[in-house]
Amino acid sequence: MTEETKPKLLIVDDEPDAVLILAKTLLARGYNVMTAESGLQAINMVKMGKPDLILLDILMPGMDGTQVAAELQKDPTTQNIPVIFLTCLVTKETQEIGTQYHGAVRYSFMSKPYNLDDLLREIDRLIGARVQ
């Protein structure tokens, strides 16, 4: 698999340690990885190099993950990018946030701390759903 054919993932989280650990793991698994520490930075990175999937924290200062998802949903060139919301805030209300942006196939919701094997399976599922 060449660099051009590896799936490109964008990790968005304001916790640098969380980003570093996840990025190293995903790089070791053969993914191309981009990172952003804020919602605004994420929006700009998506426009520069459209990822195949976004791992998006909800609770961030400034533009939070729900606002990032809403912005991506408005743009026809980015509205179909699958999103996995990663957050320690898991309630029925926060789970409904994802469905209003991406529907059942294009979004997923995982609570922190997440199980790495479950996360990897979900990444594969959502990237596969996007290709089909």
Protein backbone atom coordinates (compact mmCIF):
# COMPACT_ATOMS: atom_id res chain seq x y z
CA MET A 1 0.00 0.00 0.00
CA THR A 2 1.45 3.35 -1.01
CA GLU A 3 1.16 6.61 0.90
CA GLU A 4 -1.44 7.78 -1.62
CA THR A 5 -3.66 4.74 -1.11
CA LYS A 6 -3.51 4.58 2.69
CA PRO A 7 -6.68 5.90 4.33
CA LYS A 8 -6.20 9.41 5.70
CA LEU A 9 -7.52 10.05 9.21
CA LEU A 10 -7.85 13.38 11.00
CA ILE A 11 -7.65 13.32 14.80
CA VAL A 12 -9.16 16.40 16.45
CA ASP A 13 -8.68 16.79 20.20
CA ASP A 14 -7.45 19.57 22.48
CA GLU A 15 -5.57 17.05 24.67
CA PRO A 16 -2.08 16.68 23.12
CA ASP A 17 -1.32 13.43 24.94
CA ALA A 18 -4.50 11.80 23.66
CA VAL A 19 -3.69 12.92 20.11
CA LEU A 20 -0.11 11.66 20.32
CA ILE A 21 -1.03 8.20 21.62
CA LEU A 22 -3.80 7.69 19.07
CA ALA A 23 -1.72 9.08 16.19
CA LYS A 24 1.21 6.75 16.95
CA THR A 25 -1.13 3.77 17.14
CA LEU A 26 -2.86 4.59 13.86
CA LEU A 27 0.42 5.30 12.07
CA ALA A 28 1.72 1.91 13.21
CA ARG A 29 -1.45 0.34 11.75
CA GLY A 30 -0.73 1.85 8.33
CA TYR A 31 -2.97 4.91 8.27
CA ASN A 32 -1.97 8.38 7.15
CA VAL A 33 -2.66 10.64 10.11
CA MET A 34 -3.30 14.36 10.38
CA THR A 35 -3.94 16.08 13.70
CA ALA A 36 -5.67 19.24 14.86
CA GLU A 37 -5.92 20.73 18.34
CA SER A 38 -8.98 22.89 17.75
CA GLY A 39 -12.19 22.93 15.80
CA LEU A 40 -11.09 25.82 13.60
CA GLN A 41 -7.79 24.12 12.81
CA ALA A 42 -9.75 20.95 11.93
CA ILE A 43 -11.99 22.81 9.46
CA ASN A 44 -8.93 24.31 7.77
CA MET A 45 -7.15 20.94 7.59
CA VAL A 46 -10.21 19.24 6.08
CA LYS A 47 -10.27 21.87 3.34
CA MET A 48 -6.53 21.44 2.62
CA GLY A 49 -6.46 17.65 2.49
CA LYS A 50 -9.81 15.92 2.76
CA PRO A 51 -9.52 12.98 5.15
CA ASP A 52 -11.29 9.65 4.71
CA LEU A 53 -12.50 9.79 8.33
CA ILE A 54 -12.42 12.20 11.27
CA LEU A 55 -11.94 11.23 14.92
CA LEU A 56 -13.54 14.19 16.65
CA ASP A 57 -13.61 15.16 20.31
CA ILE A 58 -16.79 16.96 21.30
CA LEU A 59 -15.62 18.96 24.33
CA MET A 60 -13.08 21.51 23.08
CA PRO A 61 -12.71 25.21 23.81
CA GLY A 62 -13.81 27.63 21.12
CA MET A 63 -15.40 25.62 18.33
CA ASP A 64 -16.47 22.28 19.80
CA GLY A 65 -16.90 19.02 17.94
CA THR A 66 -20.60 19.50 17.30
CA GLN A 67 -19.90 22.85 15.67
CA VAL A 68 -17.16 21.29 13.52
CA ALA A 69 -19.59 18.58 12.39
CA ALA A 70 -22.23 21.21 11.60
CA GLU A 71 -19.76 23.19 9.47
CA LEU A 72 -18.67 20.08 7.58
CA GLN A 73 -22.30 19.13 7.01
CA LYS A 74 -23.00 22.48 5.29
CA ASP A 75 -20.35 21.90 2.60
CA PRO A 76 -21.23 19.36 -0.13
CA THR A 77 -17.52 18.50 -0.51
CA THR A 78 -17.17 17.51 3.15
CA GLN A 79 -20.64 16.45 4.29
CA ASN A 80 -20.08 12.77 3.60
CA ILE A 81 -16.84 12.39 5.55
CA PRO A 82 -17.49 9.82 8.29
CA VAL A 83 -17.00 11.03 11.85
CA ILE A 84 -16.31 9.11 15.02
CA PHE A 85 -17.13 11.33 17.96
CA LEU A 86 -14.76 10.52 20.85
CA THR A 87 -15.78 12.01 24.16
CA CYS A 88 -16.01 11.45 27.88
CA LEU A 89 -19.45 13.08 27.76
CA VAL A 90 -21.83 10.26 26.91
CA THR A 91 -25.51 10.97 27.30
CA LYS A 92 -28.55 10.31 25.16
CA GLU A 93 -28.48 13.96 24.12
CA THR A 94 -24.85 13.86 22.97
CA GLN A 95 -25.44 10.66 21.01
CA GLU A 96 -28.30 12.39 19.20
CA ILE A 97 -25.87 15.12 18.17
CA GLY A 98 -24.13 12.72 15.81
CA THR A 99 -27.27 11.45 14.16
CA GLN A 100 -28.41 14.92 13.20
CA TYR A 101 -25.19 15.44 11.22
CA HIS A 102 -24.35 12.09 9.69
CA GLY A 103 -27.06 9.50 10.12
CA ALA A 104 -26.51 5.90 11.09
CA VAL A 105 -23.88 5.01 8.49
CA ARG A 106 -21.62 8.06 8.53
CA TYR A 107 -21.16 8.64 12.22
CA SER A 108 -20.24 6.74 15.32
CA PHE A 109 -19.96 7.60 18.97
CA MET A 110 -17.35 6.17 21.35
CA SER A 111 -16.78 7.09 24.94
CA LYS A 112 -13.36 7.78 26.41
CA PRO A 113 -11.55 5.75 27.45
CA TYR A 114 -12.30 3.67 24.37
CA ASN A 115 -11.28 0.12 23.58
CA LEU A 116 -8.64 0.31 20.83
CA ASP A 117 -9.82 -2.84 19.06
CA ASP A 118 -13.39 -1.51 18.99
CA LEU A 119 -12.17 1.82 17.65
CA LEU A 120 -10.14 0.15 14.88
CA ARG A 121 -13.13 -1.97 13.86
CA GLU A 122 -15.32 1.13 13.74
CA ILE A 123 -12.75 3.00 11.63
CA ASP A 124 -12.71 0.09 9.16
CA ARG A 125 -16.52 -0.06 9.11
CA LEU A 126 -16.96 3.63 8.40
CA ILE A 127 -14.19 3.84 5.81
CA GLY A 128 -15.65 0.78 4.10
CA ALA A 129 -19.14 2.32 4.14
CA ARG A 130 -17.75 5.45 2.51
CA VAL A 131 -16.14 3.54 -0.34
CA GLN A 132 -19.27 1.53 -1.15
